[in-house]
PDB file of N, CA and C in Angstrom:
ATOM      1  N   MET A   1     -44.347 -29.193 -14.539  1.00  0.00           N
ATOM      2  CA  MET A   1     -42.971 -28.760 -14.604  1.00  0.00           C
ATOM      3  C   MET A   1     -42.783 -27.863 -15.808  1.00  0.00           C
ATOM      4  N   GLY A   2     -41.937 -26.864 -15.666  1.00  0.00           N
ATOM      5  CA  GLY A   2     -41.676 -25.910 -16.736  1.00  0.00           C
ATOM      6  C   GLY A   2     -40.695 -26.443 -17.753  1.00  0.00           C
ATOM      7  N   ASN A   3     -40.634 -25.757 -18.858  1.00  0.00           N
ATOM      8  CA  ASN A   3     -39.713 -26.111 -19.923  1.00  0.00           C
ATOM      9  C   ASN A   3     -38.398 -25.377 -19.691  1.00  0.00           C
ATOM     10  N   ASN A   4     -37.308 -26.117 -19.520  1.00  0.00           N
ATOM     11  CA  ASN A   4     -36.007 -25.522 -19.239  1.00  0.00           C
ATOM     12  C   ASN A   4     -35.103 -25.479 -20.463  1.00  0.00           C
ATOM     13  N   ASN A   5     -35.661 -25.683 -21.664  1.00  0.00           N
ATOM     14  CA  ASN A   5     -34.833 -25.727 -22.861  1.00  0.00           C
ATOM     15  C   ASN A   5     -34.043 -24.446 -23.076  1.00  0.00           C
ATOM     16  N   ASN A   6     -34.614 -23.299 -22.774  1.00  0.00           N
ATOM     17  CA  ASN A   6     -33.947 -22.026 -22.996  1.00  0.00           C
ATOM     18  C   ASN A   6     -33.627 -21.339 -21.675  1.00  0.00           C
ATOM     19  N   ARG A   7     -33.245 -22.104 -20.704  1.00  0.00           N
ATOM     20  CA  ARG A   7     -32.987 -21.567 -19.378  1.00  0.00           C
ATOM     21  C   ARG A   7     -31.764 -20.652 -19.375  1.00  0.00           C
ATOM     22  N   TYR A   8     -30.773 -20.967 -20.200  1.00  0.00           N
ATOM     23  CA  TYR A   8     -29.541 -20.193 -20.244  1.00  0.00           C
ATOM     24  C   TYR A   8     -29.436 -19.488 -21.589  1.00  0.00           C
ATOM     25  N   ASP A   9     -29.098 -18.199 -21.552  1.00  0.00           N
ATOM     26  CA  ASP A   9     -28.971 -17.468 -22.808  1.00  0.00           C
ATOM     27  C   ASP A   9     -27.609 -17.758 -23.452  1.00  0.00           C
ATOM     28  N   ASP A  10     -27.463 -17.326 -24.696  1.00  0.00           N
ATOM     29  CA  ASP A  10     -26.245 -17.608 -25.456  1.00  0.00           C
ATOM     30  C   ASP A  10     -25.008 -16.989 -24.812  1.00  0.00           C
ATOM     31  N   GLU A  11     -25.169 -15.839 -24.210  1.00  0.00           N
ATOM     32  CA  GLU A  11     -24.035 -15.170 -23.556  1.00  0.00           C
ATOM     33  C   GLU A  11     -23.529 -15.997 -22.371  1.00  0.00           C
ATOM     34  N   PHE A  12     -24.456 -16.552 -21.603  1.00  0.00           N
ATOM     35  CA  PHE A  12     -24.085 -17.395 -20.468  1.00  0.00           C
ATOM     36  C   PHE A  12     -23.346 -18.636 -20.956  1.00  0.00           C
ATOM     37  N   LYS A  13     -23.884 -19.261 -22.002  1.00  0.00           N
ATOM     38  CA  LYS A  13     -23.260 -20.467 -22.554  1.00  0.00           C
ATOM     39  C   LYS A  13     -21.859 -20.163 -23.070  1.00  0.00           C
ATOM     40  N   ALA A  14     -21.710 -19.038 -23.772  1.00  0.00           N
ATOM     41  CA  ALA A  14     -20.400 -18.658 -24.312  1.00  0.00           C
ATOM     42  C   ALA A  14     -19.397 -18.420 -23.184  1.00  0.00           C
ATOM     43  N   GLY A  15     -19.844 -17.809 -22.112  1.00  0.00           N
ATOM     44  CA  GLY A  15     -18.969 -17.581 -20.966  1.00  0.00           C
ATOM     45  C   GLY A  15     -18.532 -18.885 -20.323  1.00  0.00           C
ATOM     46  N   ALA A  16     -19.448 -19.825 -20.223  1.00  0.00           N
ATOM     47  CA  ALA A  16     -19.121 -21.130 -19.650  1.00  0.00           C
ATOM     48  C   ALA A  16     -18.112 -21.859 -20.527  1.00  0.00           C
ATOM     49  N   VAL A  17     -18.320 -21.815 -21.825  1.00  0.00           N
ATOM     50  CA  VAL A  17     -17.396 -22.465 -22.764  1.00  0.00           C
ATOM     51  C   VAL A  17     -16.020 -21.809 -22.674  1.00  0.00           C
ATOM     52  N   LYS A  18     -15.996 -20.499 -22.532  1.00  0.00           N
ATOM     53  CA  LYS A  18     -14.728 -19.767 -22.435  1.00  0.00           C
ATOM     54  C   LYS A  18     -13.945 -20.212 -21.198  1.00  0.00           C
ATOM     55  N   LEU A  19     -14.641 -20.425 -20.089  1.00  0.00           N
ATOM     56  CA  LEU A  19     -13.978 -20.906 -18.875  1.00  0.00           C
ATOM     57  C   LEU A  19     -13.284 -22.242 -19.122  1.00  0.00           C
ATOM     58  N   LEU A  20     -13.902 -23.066 -19.929  1.00  0.00           N
ATOM     59  CA  LEU A  20     -13.328 -24.380 -20.216  1.00  0.00           C
ATOM     60  C   LEU A  20     -12.190 -24.299 -21.221  1.00  0.00           C
ATOM     61  N   THR A  21     -12.427 -23.599 -22.317  1.00  0.00           N
ATOM     62  CA  THR A  21     -11.467 -23.620 -23.420  1.00  0.00           C
ATOM     63  C   THR A  21     -10.288 -22.684 -23.206  1.00  0.00           C
ATOM     64  N   GLU A  22     -10.539 -21.485 -22.730  1.00  0.00           N
ATOM     65  CA  GLU A  22      -9.455 -20.513 -22.585  1.00  0.00           C
ATOM     66  C   GLU A  22      -8.785 -20.579 -21.218  1.00  0.00           C
ATOM     67  N   LYS A  23      -9.558 -20.836 -20.203  1.00  0.00           N
ATOM     68  CA  LYS A  23      -9.002 -20.868 -18.846  1.00  0.00           C
ATOM     69  C   LYS A  23      -8.518 -22.263 -18.468  1.00  0.00           C
ATOM     70  N   GLY A  24      -8.972 -23.281 -19.200  1.00  0.00           N
ATOM     71  CA  GLY A  24      -8.529 -24.646 -18.944  1.00  0.00           C
ATOM     72  C   GLY A  24      -9.056 -25.251 -17.655  1.00  0.00           C
ATOM     73  N   ARG A  25     -10.170 -24.755 -17.183  1.00  0.00           N
ATOM     74  CA  ARG A  25     -10.736 -25.300 -15.952  1.00  0.00           C
ATOM     75  C   ARG A  25     -11.428 -26.632 -16.242  1.00  0.00           C
ATOM     76  N   PRO A  26     -11.402 -27.560 -15.294  1.00  0.00           N
ATOM     77  CA  PRO A  26     -12.075 -28.851 -15.485  1.00  0.00           C
ATOM     78  C   PRO A  26     -13.584 -28.674 -15.635  1.00  0.00           C
ATOM     79  N   ILE A  27     -14.165 -29.491 -16.484  1.00  0.00           N
ATOM     80  CA  ILE A  27     -15.596 -29.382 -16.771  1.00  0.00           C
ATOM     81  C   ILE A  27     -16.435 -29.615 -15.517  1.00  0.00           C
ATOM     82  N   SER A  28     -15.988 -30.525 -14.663  1.00  0.00           N
ATOM     83  CA  SER A  28     -16.764 -30.810 -13.447  1.00  0.00           C
ATOM     84  C   SER A  28     -16.831 -29.586 -12.530  1.00  0.00           C
ATOM     85  N   LEU A  29     -15.728 -28.857 -12.416  1.00  0.00           N
ATOM     86  CA  LEU A  29     -15.721 -27.671 -11.557  1.00  0.00           C
ATOM     87  C   LEU A  29     -16.548 -26.535 -12.148  1.00  0.00           C
ATOM     88  N   VAL A  30     -16.419 -26.330 -13.450  1.00  0.00           N
ATOM     89  CA  VAL A  30     -17.191 -25.267 -14.104  1.00  0.00           C
ATOM     90  C   VAL A  30     -18.678 -25.564 -13.980  1.00  0.00           C
ATOM     91  N   ALA A  31     -19.057 -26.814 -14.233  1.00  0.00           N
ATOM     92  CA  ALA A  31     -20.467 -27.194 -14.136  1.00  0.00           C
ATOM     93  C   ALA A  31     -20.990 -26.960 -12.718  1.00  0.00           C
ATOM     94  N   LYS A  32     -20.216 -27.366 -11.740  1.00  0.00           N
ATOM     95  CA  LYS A  32     -20.635 -27.197 -10.342  1.00  0.00           C
ATOM     96  C   LYS A  32     -20.735 -25.714  -9.982  1.00  0.00           C
ATOM     97  N   ASP A  33     -19.723 -24.933 -10.366  1.00  0.00           N
ATOM     98  CA  ASP A  33     -19.719 -23.498 -10.045  1.00  0.00           C
ATOM     99  C   ASP A  33     -20.892 -22.762 -10.683  1.00  0.00           C
ATOM    100  N   LEU A  34     -21.246 -23.158 -11.891  1.00  0.00           N
ATOM    101  CA  LEU A  34     -22.316 -22.469 -12.614  1.00  0.00           C
ATOM    102  C   LEU A  34     -23.696 -23.067 -12.350  1.00  0.00           C
ATOM    103  N   GLY A  35     -23.729 -24.238 -11.721  1.00  0.00           N
ATOM    104  CA  GLY A  35     -25.009 -24.873 -11.433  1.00  0.00           C
ATOM    105  C   GLY A  35     -25.669 -25.491 -12.654  1.00  0.00           C
ATOM    106  N   VAL A  36     -24.839 -26.003 -13.560  1.00  0.00           N
ATOM    107  CA  VAL A  36     -25.374 -26.677 -14.750  1.00  0.00           C
ATOM    108  C   VAL A  36     -24.892 -28.120 -14.759  1.00  0.00           C
ATOM    109  N   LEU A  37     -25.573 -28.942 -15.509  1.00  0.00           N
ATOM    110  CA  LEU A  37     -25.179 -30.337 -15.623  1.00  0.00           C
ATOM    111  C   LEU A  37     -24.007 -30.472 -16.591  1.00  0.00           C
ATOM    112  N   GLU A  38     -23.098 -31.409 -16.295  1.00  0.00           N
ATOM    113  CA  GLU A  38     -21.937 -31.616 -17.161  1.00  0.00           C
ATOM    114  C   GLU A  38     -22.323 -31.946 -18.602  1.00  0.00           C
ATOM    115  N   PRO A  39     -23.326 -32.817 -18.835  1.00  0.00           N
ATOM    116  CA  PRO A  39     -23.687 -33.105 -20.235  1.00  0.00           C
ATOM    117  C   PRO A  39     -24.130 -31.863 -21.004  1.00  0.00           C
ATOM    118  N   ALA A  40     -24.836 -30.966 -20.335  1.00  0.00           N
ATOM    119  CA  ALA A  40     -25.257 -29.724 -21.002  1.00  0.00           C
ATOM    120  C   ALA A  40     -24.038 -28.895 -21.369  1.00  0.00           C
ATOM    121  N   LEU A  41     -23.104 -28.802 -20.460  1.00  0.00           N
ATOM    122  CA  LEU A  41     -21.881 -28.042 -20.706  1.00  0.00           C
ATOM    123  C   LEU A  41     -21.082 -28.655 -21.855  1.00  0.00           C
ATOM    124  N   ARG A  42     -21.032 -29.972 -21.894  1.00  0.00           N
ATOM    125  CA  ARG A  42     -20.333 -30.651 -23.004  1.00  0.00           C
ATOM    126  C   ARG A  42     -21.015 -30.341 -24.339  1.00  0.00           C
ATOM    127  N   ARG A  43     -22.344 -30.319 -24.358  1.00  0.00           N
ATOM    128  CA  ARG A  43     -23.075 -29.974 -25.590  1.00  0.00           C
ATOM    129  C   ARG A  43     -22.748 -28.557 -26.037  1.00  0.00           C
ATOM    130  N   TRP A  44     -22.672 -27.646 -25.083  1.00  0.00           N
ATOM    131  CA  TRP A  44     -22.361 -26.253 -25.428  1.00  0.00           C
ATOM    132  C   TRP A  44     -20.970 -26.148 -26.043  1.00  0.00           C
ATOM    133  N   VAL A  45     -20.019 -26.893 -25.484  1.00  0.00           N
ATOM    134  CA  VAL A  45     -18.653 -26.873 -26.029  1.00  0.00           C
ATOM    135  C   VAL A  45     -18.652 -27.439 -27.438  1.00  0.00           C
ATOM    136  N   ARG A  46     -19.316 -28.569 -27.615  1.00  0.00           N
ATOM    137  CA  ARG A  46     -19.372 -29.203 -28.939  1.00  0.00           C
ATOM    138  C   ARG A  46     -20.040 -28.279 -29.955  1.00  0.00           C
ATOM    139  N   ALA A  47     -21.121 -27.648 -29.553  1.00  0.00           N
ATOM    140  CA  ALA A  47     -21.840 -26.742 -30.452  1.00  0.00           C
ATOM    141  C   ALA A  47     -20.989 -25.532 -30.818  1.00  0.00           C
ATOM    142  N   SER A  48     -20.143 -25.102 -29.900  1.00  0.00           N
ATOM    143  CA  SER A  48     -19.317 -23.922 -30.177  1.00  0.00           C
ATOM    144  C   SER A  48     -18.129 -24.254 -31.068  1.00  0.00           C
ATOM    145  N   THR A  49     -17.736 -25.521 -31.123  1.00  0.00           N
ATOM    146  CA  THR A  49     -16.572 -25.892 -31.929  1.00  0.00           C
ATOM    147  C   THR A  49     -16.953 -26.458 -33.282  1.00  0.00           C
ATOM    148  N   GLU A  50     -18.195 -26.899 -33.454  1.00  0.00           N
ATOM    149  CA  GLU A  50     -18.645 -27.420 -34.747  1.00  0.00           C
ATOM    150  C   GLU A  50     -18.951 -26.272 -35.692  1.00  0.00           C
ATOM    151  N   PRO A  51     -18.468 -26.366 -36.918  1.00  0.00           N
ATOM    152  CA  PRO A  51     -18.861 -25.342 -37.888  1.00  0.00           C
ATOM    153  C   PRO A  51     -20.364 -25.421 -38.150  1.00  0.00           C
ATOM    154  N   ALA A  52     -20.974 -24.297 -38.372  1.00  0.00           N
ATOM    155  CA  ALA A  52     -22.421 -24.256 -38.588  1.00  0.00           C
ATOM    156  C   ALA A  52     -22.828 -25.003 -39.850  1.00  0.00           C
ATOM    157  N   ASP A  53     -21.932 -25.060 -40.827  1.00  0.00           N
ATOM    158  CA  ASP A  53     -22.266 -25.707 -42.093  1.00  0.00           C
ATOM    159  C   ASP A  53     -21.808 -27.164 -42.156  1.00  0.00           C
ATOM    160  N   ALA A  54     -21.438 -27.761 -41.014  1.00  0.00           N
ATOM    161  CA  ALA A  54     -20.938 -29.133 -40.997  1.00  0.00           C
ATOM    162  C   ALA A  54     -21.924 -30.132 -41.611  1.00  0.00           C
ATOM    163  N   PRO A  55     -23.217 -30.113 -41.269  1.00  0.00           N
ATOM    164  CA  PRO A  55     -24.138 -31.077 -41.878  1.00  0.00           C
ATOM    165  C   PRO A  55     -24.253 -30.911 -43.393  1.00  0.00           C
ATOM    166  N   ALA A  56     -24.289 -29.688 -43.874  1.00  0.00           N
ATOM    167  CA  ALA A  56     -24.387 -29.454 -45.320  1.00  0.00           C
ATOM    168  C   ALA A  56     -23.122 -29.915 -46.020  1.00  0.00           C
ATOM    169  N   LYS A  57     -21.977 -29.671 -45.404  1.00  0.00           N
ATOM    170  CA  LYS A  57     -20.697 -30.101 -45.986  1.00  0.00           C
ATOM    171  C   LYS A  57     -20.638 -31.622 -46.052  1.00  0.00           C
ATOM    172  N   ARG A  58     -21.051 -32.279 -44.988  1.00  0.00           N
ATOM    173  CA  ARG A  58     -21.035 -33.748 -44.954  1.00  0.00           C
ATOM    174  C   ARG A  58     -21.970 -34.316 -46.014  1.00  0.00           C
ATOM    175  N   MET A  59     -23.133 -33.688 -46.193  1.00  0.00           N
ATOM    176  CA  MET A  59     -24.084 -34.135 -47.209  1.00  0.00           C
ATOM    177  C   MET A  59     -23.460 -34.019 -48.591  1.00  0.00           C
ATOM    178  N   ALA A  60     -22.770 -32.937 -48.865  1.00  0.00           N
ATOM    179  CA  ALA A  60     -22.116 -32.747 -50.163  1.00  0.00           C
ATOM    180  C   ALA A  60     -21.038 -33.803 -50.381  1.00  0.00           C
ATOM    181  N   GLU A  61     -20.280 -34.120 -49.328  1.00  0.00           N
ATOM    182  CA  GLU A  61     -19.252 -35.159 -49.428  1.00  0.00           C
ATOM    183  C   GLU A  61     -19.883 -36.511 -49.743  1.00  0.00           C
ATOM    184  N   LEU A  62     -20.977 -36.835 -49.069  1.00  0.00           N
ATOM    185  CA  LEU A  62     -21.649 -38.115 -49.296  1.00  0.00           C
ATOM    186  C   LEU A  62     -22.236 -38.197 -50.703  1.00  0.00           C
ATOM    187  N   GLU A  63     -22.790 -37.094 -51.187  1.00  0.00           N
ATOM    188  CA  GLU A  63     -23.336 -37.080 -52.544  1.00  0.00           C
ATOM    189  C   GLU A  63     -22.232 -37.277 -53.576  1.00  0.00           C
ATOM    190  N   ALA A  64     -21.073 -36.655 -53.376  1.00  0.00           N
ATOM    191  CA  ALA A  64     -19.947 -36.820 -54.294  1.00  0.00           C
ATOM    192  C   ALA A  64     -19.440 -38.261 -54.266  1.00  0.00           C
ATOM    193  N   GLU A  65     -19.350 -38.836 -53.076  1.00  0.00           N
ATOM    194  CA  GLU A  65     -18.909 -40.219 -52.952  1.00  0.00           C
ATOM    195  C   GLU A  65     -19.908 -41.157 -53.627  1.00  0.00           C
ATOM    196  N   ASN A  66     -21.189 -40.910 -53.443  1.00  0.00           N
ATOM    197  CA  ASN A  66     -22.230 -41.728 -54.061  1.00  0.00           C
ATOM    198  C   ASN A  66     -22.126 -41.675 -55.583  1.00  0.00           C
ATOM    199  N   LYS A  67     -21.908 -40.486 -56.117  1.00  0.00           N
ATOM    200  CA  LYS A  67     -21.774 -40.309 -57.566  1.00  0.00           C
ATOM    201  C   LYS A  67     -20.579 -41.103 -58.095  1.00  0.00           C
ATOM    202  N   LYS A  68     -19.449 -41.040 -57.370  1.00  0.00           N
ATOM    203  CA  LYS A  68     -18.251 -41.777 -57.777  1.00  0.00           C
ATOM    204  C   LYS A  68     -18.500 -43.283 -57.732  1.00  0.00           C
ATOM    205  N   LEU A  69     -19.147 -43.745 -56.689  1.00  0.00           N
ATOM    206  CA  LEU A  69     -19.415 -45.177 -56.558  1.00  0.00           C
ATOM    207  C   LEU A  69     -20.360 -45.670 -57.654  1.00  0.00           C
ATOM    208  N   LYS A  70     -21.345 -44.858 -58.015  1.00  0.00           N
ATOM    209  CA  LYS A  70     -22.241 -45.235 -59.114  1.00  0.00           C
ATOM    210  C   LYS A  70     -21.471 -45.342 -60.419  1.00  0.00           C
ATOM    211  N   LYS A  71     -20.544 -44.419 -60.651  1.00  0.00           N
ATOM    212  CA  LYS A  71     -19.719 -44.445 -61.864  1.00  0.00           C
ATOM    213  C   LYS A  71     -18.840 -45.686 -61.861  1.00  0.00           C
ATOM    214  N   ASP A  72     -18.221 -46.000 -60.723  1.00  0.00           N
ATOM    215  CA  ASP A  72     -17.386 -47.196 -60.610  1.00  0.00           C
ATOM    216  C   ASP A  72     -18.201 -48.458 -60.881  1.00  0.00           C
ATOM    217  N   LEU A  73     -19.422 -48.516 -60.363  1.00  0.00           N
ATOM    218  CA  LEU A  73     -20.289 -49.670 -60.585  1.00  0.00           C
ATOM    219  C   LEU A  73     -20.647 -49.797 -62.058  1.00  0.00           C
ATOM    220  N   GLU A  74     -20.954 -48.682 -62.684  1.00  0.00           N
ATOM    221  CA  GLU A  74     -21.278 -48.694 -64.113  1.00  0.00           C
ATOM    222  C   GLU A  74     -20.083 -49.190 -64.928  1.00  0.00           C
ATOM    223  N   ASP A  75     -18.884 -48.727 -64.594  1.00  0.00           N
ATOM    224  CA  ASP A  75     -17.672 -49.183 -65.286  1.00  0.00           C
ATOM    225  C   ASP A  75     -17.457 -50.680 -65.082  1.00  0.00           C
ATOM    226  N   ALA A  76     -17.677 -51.160 -63.871  1.00  0.00           N
ATOM    227  CA  ALA A  76     -17.504 -52.586 -63.584  1.00  0.00           C
ATOM    228  C   ALA A  76     -18.527 -53.414 -64.357  1.00  0.00           C
ATOM    229  N   ASN A  77     -19.764 -52.940 -64.432  1.00  0.00           N
ATOM    230  CA  ASN A  77     -20.791 -53.652 -65.192  1.00  0.00           C
ATOM    231  C   ASN A  77     -20.449 -53.682 -66.676  1.00  0.00           C
ATOM    232  N   ASP A  78     -19.902 -52.597 -67.207  1.00  0.00           N
ATOM    233  CA  ASP A  78     -19.474 -52.564 -68.607  1.00  0.00           C
ATOM    234  C   ASP A  78     -18.359 -53.573 -68.852  1.00  0.00           C
ATOM    235  N   THR A  79     -17.431 -53.680 -67.918  1.00  0.00           N
ATOM    236  CA  THR A  79     -16.334 -54.640 -68.041  1.00  0.00           C
ATOM    237  C   THR A  79     -16.874 -56.063 -68.041  1.00  0.00           C
ATOM    238  N   VAL A  80     -17.830 -56.345 -67.186  1.00  0.00           N
ATOM    239  CA  VAL A  80     -18.434 -57.679 -67.130  1.00  0.00           C
ATOM    240  C   VAL A  80     -19.116 -58.005 -68.453  1.00  0.00           C
ATOM    241  N   LYS A  81     -19.825 -57.053 -69.027  1.00  0.00           N
ATOM    242  CA  LYS A  81     -20.497 -57.268 -70.312  1.00  0.00           C
ATOM    243  C   LYS A  81     -19.488 -57.599 -71.403  1.00  0.00           C
ATOM    244  N   VAL A  82     -18.380 -56.875 -71.427  1.00  0.00           N
ATOM    245  CA  VAL A  82     -17.341 -57.115 -72.439  1.00  0.00           C
ATOM    246  C   VAL A  82     -16.746 -58.500 -72.249  1.00  0.00           C
ATOM    247  N   LEU A  83     -16.476 -58.887 -71.026  1.00  0.00           N
ATOM    248  CA  LEU A  83     -15.887 -60.194 -70.756  1.00  0.00           C
ATOM    249  C   LEU A  83     -16.858 -61.328 -71.096  1.00  0.00           C
ATOM    250  N   LYS A  84     -18.145 -61.120 -70.905  1.00  0.00           N
ATOM    251  CA  LYS A  84     -19.129 -62.147 -71.242  1.00  0.00           C
ATOM    252  C   LYS A  84     -19.211 -62.358 -72.743  1.00  0.00           C
ATOM    253  N   LYS A  85     -19.004 -61.295 -73.514  1.00  0.00           N
ATOM    254  CA  LYS A  85     -19.078 -61.392 -74.968  1.00  0.00           C
ATOM    255  C   LYS A  85     -17.867 -62.108 -75.548  1.00  0.00           C
ATOM    256  N   SER A  86     -16.734 -62.087 -74.844  1.00  0.00           N
ATOM    257  CA  SER A  86     -15.540 -62.709 -75.418  1.00  0.00           C
ATOM    258  C   SER A  86     -15.378 -64.158 -75.051  1.00  0.00           C
TER     259      SER A  86
END
């Protein structure tokens, strides 16, 4: 069996997504009319709406949160040390 990973070019995918988003056609009808599977069409829509830098942005958010939590933990440990001394 052949590899169908690149069966549809980007222009075809963009046109299919446009039918869904701009024309408001149901995904089942668009998939049937174009001869593609609904899950593939859903992936194309999701890929077209996600910002390209979403994973990098999320990583930066997680790193900032981690840094804050480490600082909070350090402050809490300092408070415990002070309370133990008194």
